[in-house]
Amino acid sequence: MTNEKIFTKEITDMAKDVYLGRNKKISNEQVRCIEHFSNGENKCQCCGEDNILFLTLSHVNGDGWIHRSMHTGSMAKCLIKNNFETQFNIKIECYNCNLARERNNGVCPHNG
């Protein structure tokens, strides 16, 4: 097993054991999507926040409403079902950066 696979497995196990045990509101599917779209870094791509409870999937072009209207249920489950393939540009942001970008014409205050 390569170092990358070992690291990803350790992060997955840690997320399940630590975070999922404390907070049932973050699903295994959400953790898998965060790991995938952050390339295993599990941190906000804007400010670097690494507490997984604060991280969310963010639609870079502000088209999340279109993505959500295309399916019912969990977006994370849909992404996994489709092998993470999507026509939308998705990145991982913390809730603060995601909301700030939404309220500031697409620019997070950290970047602008």
PDB file of N, CA and C in Angstrom:
ATOM      1  N   MET A   1       0.849  -1.178   0.000  1.00  0.00           N
ATOM      2  CA  MET A   1       0.000   0.000   0.000  1.00  0.00           C
ATOM      3  C   MET A   1       0.894   1.241   0.000  1.00  0.00           C
ATOM      4  N   THR A   2       0.572   2.214  -0.856  1.00  0.00           N
ATOM      5  CA  THR A   2       1.391   3.419  -0.942  1.00  0.00           C
ATOM      6  C   THR A   2       1.152   4.311   0.270  1.00  0.00           C
ATOM      7  N   ASN A   3       2.075   5.250   0.477  1.00  0.00           N
ATOM      8  CA  ASN A   3       1.930   6.196   1.591  1.00  0.00           C
ATOM      9  C   ASN A   3       0.652   6.999   1.466  1.00  0.00           C
ATOM     10  N   GLU A   4       0.287   7.379   0.218  1.00  0.00           N
ATOM     11  CA  GLU A   4      -0.919   8.172   0.006  1.00  0.00           C
ATOM     12  C   GLU A   4      -2.162   7.379   0.430  1.00  0.00           C
ATOM     13  N   LYS A   5      -2.217   6.093   0.065  1.00  0.00           N
ATOM     14  CA  LYS A   5      -3.367   5.277   0.439  1.00  0.00           C
ATOM     15  C   LYS A   5      -3.423   5.066   1.946  1.00  0.00           C
ATOM     16  N   ILE A   6      -2.268   4.872   2.561  1.00  0.00           N
ATOM     17  CA  ILE A   6      -2.222   4.705   4.012  1.00  0.00           C
ATOM     18  C   ILE A   6      -2.711   5.977   4.690  1.00  0.00           C
ATOM     19  N   PHE A   7      -2.240   7.152   4.211  1.00  0.00           N
ATOM     20  CA  PHE A   7      -2.658   8.433   4.784  1.00  0.00           C
ATOM     21  C   PHE A   7      -4.164   8.616   4.643  1.00  0.00           C
ATOM     22  N   THR A   8      -4.701   8.344   3.452  1.00  0.00           N
ATOM     23  CA  THR A   8      -6.135   8.506   3.224  1.00  0.00           C
ATOM     24  C   THR A   8      -6.926   7.574   4.132  1.00  0.00           C
ATOM     25  N   LYS A   9      -6.480   6.330   4.283  1.00  0.00           N
ATOM     26  CA  LYS A   9      -7.166   5.389   5.163  1.00  0.00           C
ATOM     27  C   LYS A   9      -7.106   5.876   6.610  1.00  0.00           C
ATOM     28  N   GLU A  10      -5.950   6.408   7.033  1.00  0.00           N
ATOM     29  CA  GLU A  10      -5.833   6.919   8.400  1.00  0.00           C
ATOM     30  C   GLU A  10      -6.783   8.085   8.622  1.00  0.00           C
ATOM     31  N   ILE A  11      -6.873   8.995   7.659  1.00  0.00           N
ATOM     32  CA  ILE A  11      -7.783  10.137   7.777  1.00  0.00           C
ATOM     33  C   ILE A  11      -9.224   9.645   7.823  1.00  0.00           C
ATOM     34  N   THR A  12      -9.563   8.691   6.952  1.00  0.00           N
ATOM     35  CA  THR A  12     -10.920   8.154   6.938  1.00  0.00           C
ATOM     36  C   THR A  12     -11.251   7.503   8.276  1.00  0.00           C
ATOM     37  N   ASP A  13     -10.340   6.684   8.782  1.00  0.00           N
ATOM     38  CA  ASP A  13     -10.564   6.033  10.071  1.00  0.00           C
ATOM     39  C   ASP A  13     -10.688   7.058  11.188  1.00  0.00           C
ATOM     40  N   MET A  14      -9.831   8.089  11.152  1.00  0.00           N
ATOM     41  CA  MET A  14      -9.877   9.128  12.173  1.00  0.00           C
ATOM     42  C   MET A  14     -11.214   9.862  12.107  1.00  0.00           C
ATOM     43  N   ALA A  15     -11.650  10.191  10.896  1.00  0.00           N
ATOM     44  CA  ALA A  15     -12.913  10.904  10.740  1.00  0.00           C
ATOM     45  C   ALA A  15     -14.066  10.064  11.280  1.00  0.00           C
ATOM     46  N   LYS A  16     -14.055   8.790  10.976  1.00  0.00           N
ATOM     47  CA  LYS A  16     -15.121   7.917  11.472  1.00  0.00           C
ATOM     48  C   LYS A  16     -15.068   7.794  12.988  1.00  0.00           C
ATOM     49  N   ASP A  17     -13.883   7.523  13.520  1.00  0.00           N
ATOM     50  CA  ASP A  17     -13.749   7.267  14.952  1.00  0.00           C
ATOM     51  C   ASP A  17     -13.943   8.517  15.796  1.00  0.00           C
ATOM     52  N   VAL A  18     -13.354   9.614  15.368  1.00  0.00           N
ATOM     53  CA  VAL A  18     -13.373  10.825  16.182  1.00  0.00           C
ATOM     54  C   VAL A  18     -14.575  11.697  15.860  1.00  0.00           C
ATOM     55  N   TYR A  19     -14.653  12.175  14.633  1.00  0.00           N
ATOM     56  CA  TYR A  19     -15.674  13.152  14.297  1.00  0.00           C
ATOM     57  C   TYR A  19     -17.065  12.549  14.225  1.00  0.00           C
ATOM     58  N   LEU A  20     -17.219  11.421  13.585  1.00  0.00           N
ATOM     59  CA  LEU A  20     -18.539  10.832  13.479  1.00  0.00           C
ATOM     60  C   LEU A  20     -19.050  10.367  14.837  1.00  0.00           C
ATOM     61  N   GLY A  21     -18.154   9.974  15.704  1.00  0.00           N
ATOM     62  CA  GLY A  21     -18.558   9.556  17.040  1.00  0.00           C
ATOM     63  C   GLY A  21     -19.075  10.709  17.879  1.00  0.00           C
ATOM     64  N   ARG A  22     -18.592  11.904  17.615  1.00  0.00           N
ATOM     65  CA  ARG A  22     -18.991  13.071  18.409  1.00  0.00           C
ATOM     66  C   ARG A  22     -20.184  13.799  17.811  1.00  0.00           C
ATOM     67  N   ASN A  23     -20.287  13.791  16.507  1.00  0.00           N
ATOM     68  CA  ASN A  23     -21.328  14.577  15.865  1.00  0.00           C
ATOM     69  C   ASN A  23     -21.949  13.759  14.746  1.00  0.00           C
ATOM     70  N   LYS A  24     -23.152  13.300  14.954  1.00  0.00           N
ATOM     71  CA  LYS A  24     -23.818  12.454  13.970  1.00  0.00           C
ATOM     72  C   LYS A  24     -24.328  13.259  12.775  1.00  0.00           C
ATOM     73  N   LYS A  25     -24.198  14.576  12.801  1.00  0.00           N
ATOM     74  CA  LYS A  25     -24.703  15.387  11.702  1.00  0.00           C
ATOM     75  C   LYS A  25     -23.792  15.375  10.484  1.00  0.00           C
ATOM     76  N   ILE A  26     -22.547  14.969  10.633  1.00  0.00           N
ATOM     77  CA  ILE A  26     -21.666  14.867   9.478  1.00  0.00           C
ATOM     78  C   ILE A  26     -21.628  13.399   9.065  1.00  0.00           C
ATOM     79  N   SER A  27     -22.017  13.148   7.842  1.00  0.00           N
ATOM     80  CA  SER A  27     -22.149  11.770   7.378  1.00  0.00           C
ATOM     81  C   SER A  27     -20.842  11.248   6.804  1.00  0.00           C
ATOM     82  N   ASN A  28     -20.768   9.955   6.702  1.00  0.00           N
ATOM     83  CA  ASN A  28     -19.619   9.317   6.075  1.00  0.00           C
ATOM     84  C   ASN A  28     -19.485   9.789   4.629  1.00  0.00           C
ATOM     85  N   GLU A  29     -20.617  10.011   3.959  1.00  0.00           N
ATOM     86  CA  GLU A  29     -20.588  10.498   2.578  1.00  0.00           C
ATOM     87  C   GLU A  29     -19.964  11.885   2.498  1.00  0.00           C
ATOM     88  N   GLN A  30     -20.316  12.756   3.455  1.00  0.00           N
ATOM     89  CA  GLN A  30     -19.732  14.100   3.470  1.00  0.00           C
ATOM     90  C   GLN A  30     -18.223  14.027   3.676  1.00  0.00           C
ATOM     91  N   VAL A  31     -17.792  13.163   4.585  1.00  0.00           N
ATOM     92  CA  VAL A  31     -16.361  12.998   4.839  1.00  0.00           C
ATOM     93  C   VAL A  31     -15.658  12.524   3.572  1.00  0.00           C
ATOM     94  N   ARG A  32     -16.242  11.554   2.883  1.00  0.00           N
ATOM     95  CA  ARG A  32     -15.633  11.042   1.646  1.00  0.00           C
ATOM     96  C   ARG A  32     -15.526  12.139   0.590  1.00  0.00           C
ATOM     97  N   CYS A  33     -16.562  12.971   0.464  1.00  0.00           N
ATOM     98  CA  CYS A  33     -16.520  14.061  -0.520  1.00  0.00           C
ATOM     99  C   CYS A  33     -15.475  15.105  -0.139  1.00  0.00           C
ATOM    100  N   ILE A  34     -15.390  15.437   1.136  1.00  0.00           N
ATOM    101  CA  ILE A  34     -14.382  16.395   1.589  1.00  0.00           C
ATOM    102  C   ILE A  34     -12.990  15.865   1.283  1.00  0.00           C
ATOM    103  N   GLU A  35     -12.771  14.588   1.582  1.00  0.00           N
ATOM    104  CA  GLU A  35     -11.466  13.981   1.281  1.00  0.00           C
ATOM    105  C   GLU A  35     -11.173  14.026  -0.213  1.00  0.00           C
ATOM    106  N   HIS A  36     -12.173  13.696  -1.028  1.00  0.00           N
ATOM    107  CA  HIS A  36     -11.957  13.649  -2.481  1.00  0.00           C
ATOM    108  C   HIS A  36     -11.660  15.040  -3.046  1.00  0.00           C
ATOM    109  N   PHE A  37     -12.531  16.001  -2.763  1.00  0.00           N
ATOM    110  CA  PHE A  37     -12.403  17.322  -3.382  1.00  0.00           C
ATOM    111  C   PHE A  37     -11.295  18.178  -2.768  1.00  0.00           C
ATOM    112  N   SER A  38     -10.751  17.766  -1.621  1.00  0.00           N
ATOM    113  CA  SER A  38      -9.603  18.482  -1.049  1.00  0.00           C
ATOM    114  C   SER A  38      -8.300  17.727  -1.305  1.00  0.00           C
ATOM    115  N   ASN A  39      -8.373  16.701  -2.138  1.00  0.00           N
ATOM    116  CA  ASN A  39      -7.196  15.870  -2.442  1.00  0.00           C
ATOM    117  C   ASN A  39      -6.538  15.329  -1.177  1.00  0.00           C
ATOM    118  N   GLY A  40      -7.365  14.947  -0.213  1.00  0.00           N
ATOM    119  CA  GLY A  40      -6.870  14.340   1.017  1.00  0.00           C
ATOM    120  C   GLY A  40      -6.351  15.317   2.052  1.00  0.00           C
ATOM    121  N   GLU A  41      -6.390  16.624   1.758  1.00  0.00           N
ATOM    122  CA  GLU A  41      -5.870  17.612   2.713  1.00  0.00           C
ATOM    123  C   GLU A  41      -6.858  17.926   3.826  1.00  0.00           C
ATOM    124  N   ASN A  42      -8.144  17.776   3.555  1.00  0.00           N
ATOM    125  CA  ASN A  42      -9.199  18.007   4.545  1.00  0.00           C
ATOM    126  C   ASN A  42      -9.073  19.365   5.221  1.00  0.00           C
ATOM    127  N   LYS A  43      -8.992  20.413   4.400  1.00  0.00           N
ATOM    128  CA  LYS A  43      -8.951  21.764   4.954  1.00  0.00           C
ATOM    129  C   LYS A  43      -9.579  22.736   3.960  1.00  0.00           C
ATOM    130  N   CYS A  44      -9.986  23.889   4.476  1.00  0.00           N
ATOM    131  CA  CYS A  44     -10.565  24.937   3.645  1.00  0.00           C
ATOM    132  C   CYS A  44      -9.512  25.414   2.653  1.00  0.00           C
ATOM    133  N   GLN A  45      -9.884  25.468   1.391  1.00  0.00           N
ATOM    134  CA  GLN A  45      -8.937  25.874   0.358  1.00  0.00           C
ATOM    135  C   GLN A  45      -8.728  27.386   0.333  1.00  0.00           C
ATOM    136  N   CYS A  46      -9.425  28.097   1.216  1.00  0.00           N
ATOM    137  CA  CYS A  46      -9.260  29.548   1.301  1.00  0.00           C
ATOM    138  C   CYS A  46      -8.434  29.932   2.536  1.00  0.00           C
ATOM    139  N   CYS A  47      -8.935  29.560   3.716  1.00  0.00           N
ATOM    140  CA  CYS A  47      -8.282  30.012   4.952  1.00  0.00           C
ATOM    141  C   CYS A  47      -7.463  28.932   5.648  1.00  0.00           C
ATOM    142  N   GLY A  48      -7.620  27.681   5.240  1.00  0.00           N
ATOM    143  CA  GLY A  48      -6.844  26.605   5.839  1.00  0.00           C
ATOM    144  C   GLY A  48      -7.485  25.943   7.050  1.00  0.00           C
ATOM    145  N   GLU A  49      -8.711  26.342   7.408  1.00  0.00           N
ATOM    146  CA  GLU A  49      -9.415  25.699   8.529  1.00  0.00           C
ATOM    147  C   GLU A  49      -9.437  24.190   8.296  1.00  0.00           C
ATOM    148  N   ASP A  50      -9.065  23.409   9.330  1.00  0.00           N
ATOM    149  CA  ASP A  50      -8.987  21.966   9.129  1.00  0.00           C
ATOM    150  C   ASP A  50      -9.898  21.152  10.047  1.00  0.00           C
ATOM    151  N   ASN A  51     -10.763  21.812  10.792  1.00  0.00           N
ATOM    152  CA  ASN A  51     -11.742  21.077  11.593  1.00  0.00           C
ATOM    153  C   ASN A  51     -12.847  20.617  10.654  1.00  0.00           C
ATOM    154  N   ILE A  52     -12.966  19.315  10.482  1.00  0.00           N
ATOM    155  CA  ILE A  52     -13.879  18.767   9.483  1.00  0.00           C
ATOM    156  C   ILE A  52     -15.334  19.143   9.758  1.00  0.00           C
ATOM    157  N   LEU A  53     -15.669  19.462  10.991  1.00  0.00           N
ATOM    158  CA  LEU A  53     -17.036  19.870  11.310  1.00  0.00           C
ATOM    159  C   LEU A  53     -17.399  21.209  10.678  1.00  0.00           C
ATOM    160  N   PHE A  54     -16.401  22.024  10.314  1.00  0.00           N
ATOM    161  CA  PHE A  54     -16.648  23.325   9.701  1.00  0.00           C
ATOM    162  C   PHE A  54     -16.613  23.283   8.182  1.00  0.00           C
ATOM    163  N   LEU A  55     -16.199  22.171   7.596  1.00  0.00           N
ATOM    164  CA  LEU A  55     -15.962  22.122   6.154  1.00  0.00           C
ATOM    165  C   LEU A  55     -17.217  21.759   5.375  1.00  0.00           C
ATOM    166  N   THR A  56     -17.322  22.317   4.176  1.00  0.00           N
ATOM    167  CA  THR A  56     -18.484  22.106   3.327  1.00  0.00           C
ATOM    168  C   THR A  56     -18.070  22.081   1.864  1.00  0.00           C
ATOM    169  N   LEU A  57     -18.927  21.495   1.039  1.00  0.00           N
ATOM    170  CA  LEU A  57     -18.723  21.525  -0.403  1.00  0.00           C
ATOM    171  C   LEU A  57     -19.177  22.885  -0.905  1.00  0.00           C
ATOM    172  N   SER A  58     -18.366  23.519  -1.704  1.00  0.00           N
ATOM    173  CA  SER A  58     -18.668  24.858  -2.203  1.00  0.00           C
ATOM    174  C   SER A  58     -18.647  24.856  -3.725  1.00  0.00           C
ATOM    175  N   HIS A  59     -19.658  25.445  -4.316  1.00  0.00           N
ATOM    176  CA  HIS A  59     -19.708  25.591  -5.767  1.00  0.00           C
ATOM    177  C   HIS A  59     -19.025  26.909  -6.130  1.00  0.00           C
ATOM    178  N   VAL A  60     -17.893  26.811  -6.793  1.00  0.00           N
ATOM    179  CA  VAL A  60     -17.039  27.966  -7.072  1.00  0.00           C
ATOM    180  C   VAL A  60     -17.775  29.042  -7.863  1.00  0.00           C
ATOM    181  N   ASN A  61     -18.596  28.640  -8.810  1.00  0.00           N
ATOM    182  CA  ASN A  61     -19.274  29.603  -9.680  1.00  0.00           C
ATOM    183  C   ASN A  61     -20.633  30.038  -9.149  1.00  0.00           C
ATOM    184  N   GLY A  62     -20.959  29.680  -7.914  1.00  0.00           N
ATOM    185  CA  GLY A  62     -22.231  30.084  -7.332  1.00  0.00           C
ATOM    186  C   GLY A  62     -23.427  29.368  -7.926  1.00  0.00           C
ATOM    187  N   ASP A  63     -23.197  28.209  -8.532  1.00  0.00           N
ATOM    188  CA  ASP A  63     -24.281  27.494  -9.204  1.00  0.00           C
ATOM    189  C   ASP A  63     -24.766  26.283  -8.413  1.00  0.00           C
ATOM    190  N   GLY A  64     -24.611  26.331  -7.107  1.00  0.00           N
ATOM    191  CA  GLY A  64     -25.043  25.222  -6.268  1.00  0.00           C
ATOM    192  C   GLY A  64     -26.536  24.975  -6.352  1.00  0.00           C
ATOM    193  N   TRP A  65     -27.318  26.025  -6.519  1.00  0.00           N
ATOM    194  CA  TRP A  65     -28.765  25.862  -6.609  1.00  0.00           C
ATOM    195  C   TRP A  65     -29.154  25.045  -7.837  1.00  0.00           C
ATOM    196  N   ILE A  66     -28.404  25.197  -8.923  1.00  0.00           N
ATOM    197  CA  ILE A  66     -28.674  24.397 -10.124  1.00  0.00           C
ATOM    198  C   ILE A  66     -28.338  22.937  -9.836  1.00  0.00           C
ATOM    199  N   HIS A  67     -27.203  22.717  -9.209  1.00  0.00           N
ATOM    200  CA  HIS A  67     -26.772  21.356  -8.880  1.00  0.00           C
ATOM    201  C   HIS A  67     -27.791  20.682  -7.964  1.00  0.00           C
ATOM    202  N   ARG A  68     -28.243  21.393  -6.937  1.00  0.00           N
ATOM    203  CA  ARG A  68     -29.211  20.819  -5.996  1.00  0.00           C
ATOM    204  C   ARG A  68     -30.545  20.532  -6.668  1.00  0.00           C
ATOM    205  N   SER A  69     -30.929  21.340  -7.656  1.00  0.00           N
ATOM    206  CA  SER A  69     -32.222  21.129  -8.321  1.00  0.00           C
ATOM    207  C   SER A  69     -32.209  19.922  -9.255  1.00  0.00           C
ATOM    208  N   MET A  70     -31.025  19.412  -9.577  1.00  0.00           N
ATOM    209  CA  MET A  70     -30.916  18.298 -10.515  1.00  0.00           C
ATOM    210  C   MET A  70     -31.141  16.941  -9.851  1.00  0.00           C
ATOM    211  N   HIS A  71     -31.172  16.884  -8.539  1.00  0.00           N
ATOM    212  CA  HIS A  71     -31.372  15.608  -7.852  1.00  0.00           C
ATOM    213  C   HIS A  71     -32.048  15.842  -6.516  1.00  0.00           C
ATOM    214  N   THR A  72     -32.545  14.781  -5.943  1.00  0.00           N
ATOM    215  CA  THR A  72     -33.145  14.878  -4.616  1.00  0.00           C
ATOM    216  C   THR A  72     -32.221  14.196  -3.614  1.00  0.00           C
ATOM    217  N   GLY A  73     -32.343  14.578  -2.379  1.00  0.00           N
ATOM    218  CA  GLY A  73     -31.538  13.958  -1.332  1.00  0.00           C
ATOM    219  C   GLY A  73     -30.176  14.601  -1.187  1.00  0.00           C
ATOM    220  N   SER A  74     -29.273  13.849  -0.637  1.00  0.00           N
ATOM    221  CA  SER A  74     -27.940  14.331  -0.301  1.00  0.00           C
ATOM    222  C   SER A  74     -27.076  14.545  -1.540  1.00  0.00           C
ATOM    223  N   MET A  75     -26.498  15.734  -1.646  1.00  0.00           N
ATOM    224  CA  MET A  75     -25.580  16.004  -2.753  1.00  0.00           C
ATOM    225  C   MET A  75     -24.356  15.105  -2.645  1.00  0.00           C
ATOM    226  N   ALA A  76     -23.889  14.861  -1.429  1.00  0.00           N
ATOM    227  CA  ALA A  76     -22.718  14.002  -1.236  1.00  0.00           C
ATOM    228  C   ALA A  76     -22.998  12.590  -1.745  1.00  0.00           C
ATOM    229  N   LYS A  77     -24.165  12.044  -1.426  1.00  0.00           N
ATOM    230  CA  LYS A  77     -24.513  10.702  -1.907  1.00  0.00           C
ATOM    231  C   LYS A  77     -24.583  10.674  -3.426  1.00  0.00           C
ATOM    232  N   CYS A  78     -25.133  11.727  -4.020  1.00  0.00           N
ATOM    233  CA  CYS A  78     -25.220  11.811  -5.479  1.00  0.00           C
ATOM    234  C   CYS A  78     -23.824  11.853  -6.098  1.00  0.00           C
ATOM    235  N   LEU A  79     -22.926  12.628  -5.528  1.00  0.00           N
ATOM    236  CA  LEU A  79     -21.560  12.719  -6.053  1.00  0.00           C
ATOM    237  C   LEU A  79     -20.847  11.374  -5.974  1.00  0.00           C
ATOM    238  N   ILE A  80     -21.014  10.673  -4.862  1.00  0.00           N
ATOM    239  CA  ILE A  80     -20.381   9.365  -4.702  1.00  0.00           C
ATOM    240  C   ILE A  80     -20.967   8.375  -5.701  1.00  0.00           C
ATOM    241  N   LYS A  81     -22.293   8.391  -5.841  1.00  0.00           N
ATOM    242  CA  LYS A  81     -22.967   7.480  -6.779  1.00  0.00           C
ATOM    243  C   LYS A  81     -22.445   7.673  -8.197  1.00  0.00           C
ATOM    244  N   ASN A  82     -22.112   8.917  -8.555  1.00  0.00           N
ATOM    245  CA  ASN A  82     -21.609   9.239  -9.896  1.00  0.00           C
ATOM    246  C   ASN A  82     -20.084   9.270  -9.942  1.00  0.00           C
ATOM    247  N   ASN A  83     -19.446   8.598  -8.971  1.00  0.00           N
ATOM    248  CA  ASN A  83     -17.984   8.495  -8.927  1.00  0.00           C
ATOM    249  C   ASN A  83     -17.312   9.870  -8.892  1.00  0.00           C
ATOM    250  N   PHE A  84     -17.927  10.809  -8.193  1.00  0.00           N
ATOM    251  CA  PHE A  84     -17.427  12.173  -7.996  1.00  0.00           C
ATOM    252  C   PHE A  84     -17.352  12.975  -9.295  1.00  0.00           C
ATOM    253  N   GLU A  85     -17.973  12.483 -10.352  1.00  0.00           N
ATOM    254  CA  GLU A  85     -17.969  13.226 -11.612  1.00  0.00           C
ATOM    255  C   GLU A  85     -19.110  14.234 -11.592  1.00  0.00           C
ATOM    256  N   THR A  86     -18.791  15.464 -11.928  1.00  0.00           N
ATOM    257  CA  THR A  86     -19.796  16.517 -11.946  1.00  0.00           C
ATOM    258  C   THR A  86     -19.378  17.592 -12.932  1.00  0.00           C
ATOM    259  N   GLN A  87     -20.361  18.258 -13.498  1.00  0.00           N
ATOM    260  CA  GLN A  87     -20.067  19.359 -14.419  1.00  0.00           C
ATOM    261  C   GLN A  87     -19.794  20.654 -13.662  1.00  0.00           C
ATOM    262  N   PHE A  88     -19.933  20.615 -12.352  1.00  0.00           N
ATOM    263  CA  PHE A  88     -19.768  21.809 -11.538  1.00  0.00           C
ATOM    264  C   PHE A  88     -18.373  21.850 -10.923  1.00  0.00           C
ATOM    265  N   ASN A  89     -17.854  23.057 -10.768  1.00  0.00           N
ATOM    266  CA  ASN A  89     -16.543  23.257 -10.161  1.00  0.00           C
ATOM    267  C   ASN A  89     -16.736  23.321  -8.644  1.00  0.00           C
ATOM    268  N   ILE A  90     -16.310  22.274  -7.948  1.00  0.00           N
ATOM    269  CA  ILE A  90     -16.516  22.171  -6.504  1.00  0.00           C
ATOM    270  C   ILE A  90     -15.178  22.245  -5.788  1.00  0.00           C
ATOM    271  N   LYS A  91     -15.165  22.987  -4.681  1.00  0.00           N
ATOM    272  CA  LYS A  91     -13.985  23.005  -3.821  1.00  0.00           C
ATOM    273  C   LYS A  91     -14.454  22.931  -2.377  1.00  0.00           C
ATOM    274  N   ILE A  92     -13.520  22.703  -1.483  1.00  0.00           N
ATOM    275  CA  ILE A  92     -13.836  22.601  -0.060  1.00  0.00           C
ATOM    276  C   ILE A  92     -13.538  23.939   0.607  1.00  0.00           C
ATOM    277  N   GLU A  93     -14.545  24.448   1.299  1.00  0.00           N
ATOM    278  CA  GLU A  93     -14.392  25.682   2.071  1.00  0.00           C
ATOM    279  C   GLU A  93     -15.019  25.474   3.439  1.00  0.00           C
ATOM    280  N   CYS A  94     -14.583  26.262   4.403  1.00  0.00           N
ATOM    281  CA  CYS A  94     -15.272  26.261   5.688  1.00  0.00           C
ATOM    282  C   CYS A  94     -16.563  27.068   5.508  1.00  0.00           C
ATOM    283  N   TYR A  95     -17.478  26.909   6.442  1.00  0.00           N
ATOM    284  CA  TYR A  95     -18.747  27.620   6.335  1.00  0.00           C
ATOM    285  C   TYR A  95     -18.543  29.135   6.310  1.00  0.00           C
ATOM    286  N   ASN A  96     -17.569  29.644   7.073  1.00  0.00           N
ATOM    287  CA  ASN A  96     -17.326  31.089   7.088  1.00  0.00           C
ATOM    288  C   ASN A  96     -16.939  31.606   5.712  1.00  0.00           C
ATOM    289  N   CYS A  97     -15.968  30.960   5.077  1.00  0.00           N
ATOM    290  CA  CYS A  97     -15.518  31.409   3.754  1.00  0.00           C
ATOM    291  C   CYS A  97     -16.622  31.243   2.717  1.00  0.00           C
ATOM    292  N   ASN A  98     -17.367  30.147   2.804  1.00  0.00           N
ATOM    293  CA  ASN A  98     -18.446  29.894   1.857  1.00  0.00           C
ATOM    294  C   ASN A  98     -19.500  30.994   1.948  1.00  0.00           C
ATOM    295  N   LEU A  99     -19.932  31.305   3.153  1.00  0.00           N
ATOM    296  CA  LEU A  99     -20.953  32.333   3.341  1.00  0.00           C
ATOM    297  C   LEU A  99     -20.417  33.720   2.995  1.00  0.00           C
ATOM    298  N   ALA A 100     -19.186  34.008   3.388  1.00  0.00           N
ATOM    299  CA  ALA A 100     -18.598  35.317   3.084  1.00  0.00           C
ATOM    300  C   ALA A 100     -18.502  35.532   1.577  1.00  0.00           C
ATOM    301  N   ARG A 101     -18.117  34.486   0.842  1.00  0.00           N
ATOM    302  CA  ARG A 101     -18.021  34.589  -0.611  1.00  0.00           C
ATOM    303  C   ARG A 101     -19.398  34.839  -1.224  1.00  0.00           C
ATOM    304  N   GLU A 102     -20.411  34.172  -0.675  1.00  0.00           N
ATOM    305  CA  GLU A 102     -21.777  34.355  -1.169  1.00  0.00           C
ATOM    306  C   GLU A 102     -22.253  35.792  -0.952  1.00  0.00           C
ATOM    307  N   ARG A 103     -21.879  36.381   0.172  1.00  0.00           N
ATOM    308  CA  ARG A 103     -22.351  37.726   0.517  1.00  0.00           C
ATOM    309  C   ARG A 103     -21.454  38.837  -0.014  1.00  0.00           C
ATOM    310  N   ASN A 104     -20.334  38.477  -0.622  1.00  0.00           N
ATOM    311  CA  ASN A 104     -19.371  39.476  -1.072  1.00  0.00           C
ATOM    312  C   ASN A 104     -19.072  39.329  -2.567  1.00  0.00           C
ATOM    313  N   ASN A 105     -20.107  39.110  -3.345  1.00  0.00           N
ATOM    314  CA  ASN A 105     -19.985  39.018  -4.807  1.00  0.00           C
ATOM    315  C   ASN A 105     -18.946  38.001  -5.263  1.00  0.00           C
ATOM    316  N   GLY A 106     -18.911  36.842  -4.592  1.00  0.00           N
ATOM    317  CA  GLY A 106     -18.038  35.755  -5.017  1.00  0.00           C
ATOM    318  C   GLY A 106     -16.602  35.846  -4.540  1.00  0.00           C
ATOM    319  N   VAL A 107     -16.292  36.823  -3.679  1.00  0.00           N
ATOM    320  CA  VAL A 107     -14.915  36.991  -3.201  1.00  0.00           C
ATOM    321  C   VAL A 107     -14.894  36.847  -1.680  1.00  0.00           C
ATOM    322  N   CYS A 108     -14.089  35.921  -1.191  1.00  0.00           N
ATOM    323  CA  CYS A 108     -13.929  35.778   0.257  1.00  0.00           C
ATOM    324  C   CYS A 108     -13.039  36.917   0.758  1.00  0.00           C
ATOM    325  N   PRO A 109     -13.347  37.506   1.908  1.00  0.00           N
ATOM    326  CA  PRO A 109     -12.504  38.576   2.450  1.00  0.00           C
ATOM    327  C   PRO A 109     -11.043  38.165   2.647  1.00  0.00           C
ATOM    328  N   HIS A 110     -10.779  36.865   2.821  1.00  0.00           N
ATOM    329  CA  HIS A 110      -9.392  36.410   2.940  1.00  0.00           C
ATOM    330  C   HIS A 110      -8.604  36.667   1.658  1.00  0.00           C
ATOM    331  N   ASN A 111      -9.302  36.731   0.539  1.00  0.00           N
ATOM    332  CA  ASN A 111      -8.640  36.877  -0.765  1.00  0.00           C
ATOM    333  C   ASN A 111      -8.830  38.248  -1.382  1.00  0.00           C
ATOM    334  N   GLY A 112      -9.425  39.135  -0.662  1.00  0.00           N
ATOM    335  CA  GLY A 112      -9.703  40.297  -1.396  1.00  0.00           C
ATOM    336  C   GLY A 112      -9.710  41.624  -0.878  1.00  0.00           C
TER     337      GLY A 112
END
